[in-house]
């Protein structure tokens, strides 16, 4: 599952808490390691498409 938050630029204020929440999330679930990755699209809609399209 992917979640894209704006963490820079004019619309960053709602996304910053989401970015900080990642530090509170579990590192393992049912013995399976979970990796969380934060990607900044830098307020560039083309970058968002590349990130989500992965």
PDB file of N, CA and C in Angstrom:
ATOM      1  N   UNK A   1       0.838  -1.169   0.000  1.00  0.00           N
ATOM      2  CA  UNK A   1       0.000   0.000   0.000  1.00  0.00           C
ATOM      3  C   UNK A   1       0.887   1.236   0.000  1.00  0.00           C
ATOM      4  N   UNK A   2       0.504   2.219  -0.783  1.00  0.00           N
ATOM      5  CA  UNK A   2       1.257   3.465  -0.845  1.00  0.00           C
ATOM      6  C   UNK A   2       0.407   4.603  -0.340  1.00  0.00           C
ATOM      7  N   UNK A   3       1.053   5.532   0.320  1.00  0.00           N
ATOM      8  CA  UNK A   3       0.387   6.741   0.787  1.00  0.00           C
ATOM      9  C   UNK A   3       1.309   7.888   0.447  1.00  0.00           C
ATOM     10  N   UNK A   4       0.814   8.893  -0.243  1.00  0.00           N
ATOM     11  CA  UNK A   4       1.624  10.048  -0.626  1.00  0.00           C
ATOM     12  C   UNK A   4       1.167  11.238   0.197  1.00  0.00           C
ATOM     13  N   UNK A   5       2.102  11.826   0.919  1.00  0.00           N
ATOM     14  CA  UNK A   5       1.851  13.039   1.684  1.00  0.00           C
ATOM     15  C   UNK A   5       2.713  14.146   1.120  1.00  0.00           C
ATOM     16  N   UNK A   6       2.184  15.345   1.129  1.00  0.00           N
ATOM     17  CA  UNK A   6       2.998  16.499   0.781  1.00  0.00           C
ATOM     18  C   UNK A   6       3.732  16.920   2.043  1.00  0.00           C
ATOM     19  N   UNK A   7       5.042  16.822   2.036  1.00  0.00           N
ATOM     20  CA  UNK A   7       5.824  17.175   3.220  1.00  0.00           C
ATOM     21  C   UNK A   7       6.737  18.376   2.975  1.00  0.00           C
ATOM     22  N   UNK A   8       6.658  18.944   1.788  1.00  0.00           N
ATOM     23  CA  UNK A   8       7.373  20.185   1.498  1.00  0.00           C
ATOM     24  C   UNK A   8       6.448  21.079   0.688  1.00  0.00           C
ATOM     25  N   UNK A   9       6.765  22.336   0.632  1.00  0.00           N
ATOM     26  CA  UNK A   9       5.980  23.263  -0.175  1.00  0.00           C
ATOM     27  C   UNK A   9       4.784  23.838   0.566  1.00  0.00           C
ATOM     28  N   UNK A  10       3.925  24.533  -0.193  1.00  0.00           N
ATOM     29  CA  UNK A  10       2.791  25.260   0.389  1.00  0.00           C
ATOM     30  C   UNK A  10       1.781  24.355   1.080  1.00  0.00           C
ATOM     31  N   UNK A  11       1.588  23.142   0.596  1.00  0.00           N
ATOM     32  CA  UNK A  11       0.568  22.247   1.157  1.00  0.00           C
ATOM     33  C   UNK A  11       1.161  21.229   2.135  1.00  0.00           C
ATOM     34  N   UNK A  12       2.287  21.548   2.729  1.00  0.00           N
ATOM     35  CA  UNK A  12       2.994  20.579   3.566  1.00  0.00           C
ATOM     36  C   UNK A  12       2.379  20.377   4.947  1.00  0.00           C
ATOM     37  N   UNK A  13       1.646  21.355   5.459  1.00  0.00           N
ATOM     38  CA  UNK A  13       1.201  21.255   6.850  1.00  0.00           C
ATOM     39  C   UNK A  13       0.395  19.995   7.168  1.00  0.00           C
ATOM     40  N   UNK A  14      -0.494  19.485   6.312  1.00  0.00           N
ATOM     41  CA  UNK A  14      -1.173  18.224   6.646  1.00  0.00           C
ATOM     42  C   UNK A  14      -0.246  17.006   6.525  1.00  0.00           C
ATOM     43  N   UNK A  15       0.734  17.070   5.681  1.00  0.00           N
ATOM     44  CA  UNK A  15       1.585  15.911   5.435  1.00  0.00           C
ATOM     45  C   UNK A  15       2.690  15.699   6.453  1.00  0.00           C
ATOM     46  N   UNK A  16       3.131  16.750   7.083  1.00  0.00           N
ATOM     47  CA  UNK A  16       4.238  16.631   8.033  1.00  0.00           C
ATOM     48  C   UNK A  16       3.892  15.691   9.194  1.00  0.00           C
ATOM     49  N   UNK A  17       2.703  15.795   9.810  1.00  0.00           N
ATOM     50  CA  UNK A  17       2.377  14.826  10.866  1.00  0.00           C
ATOM     51  C   UNK A  17       2.366  13.383  10.357  1.00  0.00           C
ATOM     52  N   UNK A  18       1.917  13.193   9.131  1.00  0.00           N
ATOM     53  CA  UNK A  18       1.941  11.844   8.559  1.00  0.00           C
ATOM     54  C   UNK A  18       3.344  11.307   8.427  1.00  0.00           C
ATOM     55  N   UNK A  19       4.249  12.160   8.017  1.00  0.00           N
ATOM     56  CA  UNK A  19       5.651  11.754   7.914  1.00  0.00           C
ATOM     57  C   UNK A  19       6.207  11.375   9.279  1.00  0.00           C
ATOM     58  N   UNK A  20       5.869  12.165  10.288  1.00  0.00           N
ATOM     59  CA  UNK A  20       6.367  11.892  11.637  1.00  0.00           C
ATOM     60  C   UNK A  20       5.722  10.643  12.240  1.00  0.00           C
ATOM     61  N   UNK A  21       4.523  10.309  11.812  1.00  0.00           N
ATOM     62  CA  UNK A  21       3.825   9.117  12.313  1.00  0.00           C
ATOM     63  C   UNK A  21       4.579   7.844  11.964  1.00  0.00           C
ATOM     64  N   UNK A  22       5.286   7.842  10.868  1.00  0.00           N
ATOM     65  CA  UNK A  22       6.007   6.648  10.435  1.00  0.00           C
ATOM     66  C   UNK A  22       6.967   6.156  11.516  1.00  0.00           C
ATOM     67  N   UNK A  23       7.562   7.057  12.260  1.00  0.00           N
ATOM     68  CA  UNK A  23       8.480   6.657  13.334  1.00  0.00           C
ATOM     69  C   UNK A  23       7.773   5.876  14.434  1.00  0.00           C
ATOM     70  N   UNK A  24       6.462   6.037  14.551  1.00  0.00           N
ATOM     71  CA  UNK A  24       5.690   5.368  15.590  1.00  0.00           C
ATOM     72  C   UNK A  24       5.120   4.016  15.146  1.00  0.00           C
ATOM     73  N   UNK A  25       5.173   3.738  13.860  1.00  0.00           N
ATOM     74  CA  UNK A  25       4.581   2.505  13.331  1.00  0.00           C
ATOM     75  C   UNK A  25       5.452   1.287  13.662  1.00  0.00           C
ATOM     76  N   UNK A  26       4.844   0.108  13.737  1.00  0.00           N
ATOM     77  CA  UNK A  26       5.619  -1.089  14.089  1.00  0.00           C
ATOM     78  C   UNK A  26       6.649  -1.438  13.014  1.00  0.00           C
ATOM     79  N   UNK A  27       7.775  -1.961  13.461  1.00  0.00           N
ATOM     80  CA  UNK A  27       8.838  -2.373  12.526  1.00  0.00           C
ATOM     81  C   UNK A  27       8.636  -3.808  12.042  1.00  0.00           C
ATOM     82  N   UNK A  28       7.849  -4.578  12.807  1.00  0.00           N
ATOM     83  CA  UNK A  28       7.515  -5.947  12.392  1.00  0.00           C
ATOM     84  C   UNK A  28       6.050  -6.223  12.705  1.00  0.00           C
ATOM     85  N   UNK A  29       5.448  -7.081  11.880  1.00  0.00           N
ATOM     86  CA  UNK A  29       4.082  -7.547  12.105  1.00  0.00           C
ATOM     87  C   UNK A  29       4.085  -9.046  11.839  1.00  0.00           C
ATOM     88  N   UNK A  30       3.647  -9.801  12.826  1.00  0.00           N
ATOM     89  CA  UNK A  30       3.602 -11.265  12.710  1.00  0.00           C
ATOM     90  C   UNK A  30       4.963 -11.823  12.286  1.00  0.00           C
ATOM     91  N   UNK A  31       6.023 -11.223  12.823  1.00  0.00           N
ATOM     92  CA  UNK A  31       7.366 -11.701  12.521  1.00  0.00           C
ATOM     93  C   UNK A  31       7.926 -11.245  11.180  1.00  0.00           C
ATOM     94  N   UNK A  32       7.154 -10.475  10.422  1.00  0.00           N
ATOM     95  CA  UNK A  32       7.599  -9.984   9.116  1.00  0.00           C
ATOM     96  C   UNK A  32       8.094  -8.549   9.251  1.00  0.00           C
ATOM     97  N   UNK A  33       9.286  -8.280   8.736  1.00  0.00           N
ATOM     98  CA  UNK A  33       9.867  -6.945   8.786  1.00  0.00           C
ATOM     99  C   UNK A  33       9.113  -6.022   7.822  1.00  0.00           C
ATOM    100  N   UNK A  34       8.883  -4.806   8.267  1.00  0.00           N
ATOM    101  CA  UNK A  34       8.211  -3.804   7.439  1.00  0.00           C
ATOM    102  C   UNK A  34       9.172  -2.642   7.227  1.00  0.00           C
ATOM    103  N   UNK A  35       9.324  -2.240   5.988  1.00  0.00           N
ATOM    104  CA  UNK A  35      10.138  -1.072   5.652  1.00  0.00           C
ATOM    105  C   UNK A  35       9.206   0.053   5.223  1.00  0.00           C
ATOM    106  N   UNK A  36       9.370   1.201   5.830  1.00  0.00           N
ATOM    107  CA  UNK A  36       8.607   2.385   5.461  1.00  0.00           C
ATOM    108  C   UNK A  36       9.547   3.306   4.697  1.00  0.00           C
ATOM    109  N   UNK A  37       9.076   3.833   3.589  1.00  0.00           N
ATOM    110  CA  UNK A  37       9.906   4.696   2.756  1.00  0.00           C
ATOM    111  C   UNK A  37       9.178   6.020   2.556  1.00  0.00           C
ATOM    112  N   UNK A  38       9.860   7.108   2.823  1.00  0.00           N
ATOM    113  CA  UNK A  38       9.305   8.436   2.594  1.00  0.00           C
ATOM    114  C   UNK A  38       9.950   8.994   1.333  1.00  0.00           C
ATOM    115  N   UNK A  39       9.129   9.318   0.369  1.00  0.00           N
ATOM    116  CA  UNK A  39       9.606   9.924  -0.871  1.00  0.00           C
ATOM    117  C   UNK A  39       8.987  11.306  -0.997  1.00  0.00           C
ATOM    118  N   UNK A  40       9.791  12.294  -1.245  1.00  0.00           N
ATOM    119  CA  UNK A  40       9.324  13.674  -1.362  1.00  0.00           C
ATOM    120  C   UNK A  40       9.155  14.012  -2.833  1.00  0.00           C
ATOM    121  N   UNK A  41       7.944  14.383  -3.214  1.00  0.00           N
ATOM    122  CA  UNK A  41       7.713  14.739  -4.615  1.00  0.00           C
ATOM    123  C   UNK A  41       8.013  16.209  -4.889  1.00  0.00           C
ATOM    124  N   UNK A  42       8.396  16.951  -3.846  1.00  0.00           N
ATOM    125  CA  UNK A  42       8.845  18.342  -3.973  1.00  0.00           C
ATOM    126  C   UNK A  42       7.834  19.231  -4.691  1.00  0.00           C
ATOM    127  N   UNK A  43       6.557  18.996  -4.457  1.00  0.00           N
ATOM    128  CA  UNK A  43       5.467  19.767  -5.055  1.00  0.00           C
ATOM    129  C   UNK A  43       5.510  19.719  -6.585  1.00  0.00           C
ATOM    130  N   UNK A  44       5.939  18.614  -7.112  1.00  0.00           N
ATOM    131  CA  UNK A  44       6.014  18.411  -8.560  1.00  0.00           C
ATOM    132  C   UNK A  44       5.057  17.273  -8.923  1.00  0.00           C
ATOM    133  N   UNK A  45       3.966  17.589  -9.602  1.00  0.00           N
ATOM    134  CA  UNK A  45       2.959  16.570  -9.917  1.00  0.00           C
ATOM    135  C   UNK A  45       3.536  15.454 -10.783  1.00  0.00           C
ATOM    136  N   UNK A  46       4.513  15.760 -11.607  1.00  0.00           N
ATOM    137  CA  UNK A  46       5.141  14.703 -12.421  1.00  0.00           C
ATOM    138  C   UNK A  46       5.896  13.717 -11.537  1.00  0.00           C
ATOM    139  N   UNK A  47       6.545  14.227 -10.496  1.00  0.00           N
ATOM    140  CA  UNK A  47       7.252  13.346  -9.565  1.00  0.00           C
ATOM    141  C   UNK A  47       6.260  12.459  -8.814  1.00  0.00           C
ATOM    142  N   UNK A  48       5.111  13.017  -8.456  1.00  0.00           N
ATOM    143  CA  UNK A  48       4.081  12.227  -7.781  1.00  0.00           C
ATOM    144  C   UNK A  48       3.637  11.065  -8.640  1.00  0.00           C
ATOM    145  N   UNK A  49       3.444  11.305  -9.907  1.00  0.00           N
ATOM    146  CA  UNK A  49       3.042  10.237 -10.835  1.00  0.00           C
ATOM    147  C   UNK A  49       4.097   9.151 -10.883  1.00  0.00           C
ATOM    148  N   UNK A  50       5.357   9.530 -10.901  1.00  0.00           N
ATOM    149  CA  UNK A  50       6.442   8.541 -10.903  1.00  0.00           C
ATOM    150  C   UNK A  50       6.472   7.741  -9.618  1.00  0.00           C
ATOM    151  N   UNK A  51       6.258   8.400  -8.485  1.00  0.00           N
ATOM    152  CA  UNK A  51       6.277   7.718  -7.191  1.00  0.00           C
ATOM    153  C   UNK A  51       5.111   6.746  -7.096  1.00  0.00           C
ATOM    154  N   UNK A  52       3.916   7.183  -7.418  1.00  0.00           N
ATOM    155  CA  UNK A  52       2.725   6.349  -7.296  1.00  0.00           C
ATOM    156  C   UNK A  52       2.729   5.239  -8.341  1.00  0.00           C
ATOM    157  N   UNK A  53       3.302   5.517  -9.482  1.00  0.00           N
ATOM    158  CA  UNK A  53       3.317   4.536 -10.564  1.00  0.00           C
ATOM    159  C   UNK A  53       4.259   3.361 -10.328  1.00  0.00           C
ATOM    160  N   UNK A  54       5.118   3.460  -9.328  1.00  0.00           N
ATOM    161  CA  UNK A  54       6.070   2.381  -9.045  1.00  0.00           C
ATOM    162  C   UNK A  54       5.382   1.100  -8.658  1.00  0.00           C
TER     163      UNK A  54
END
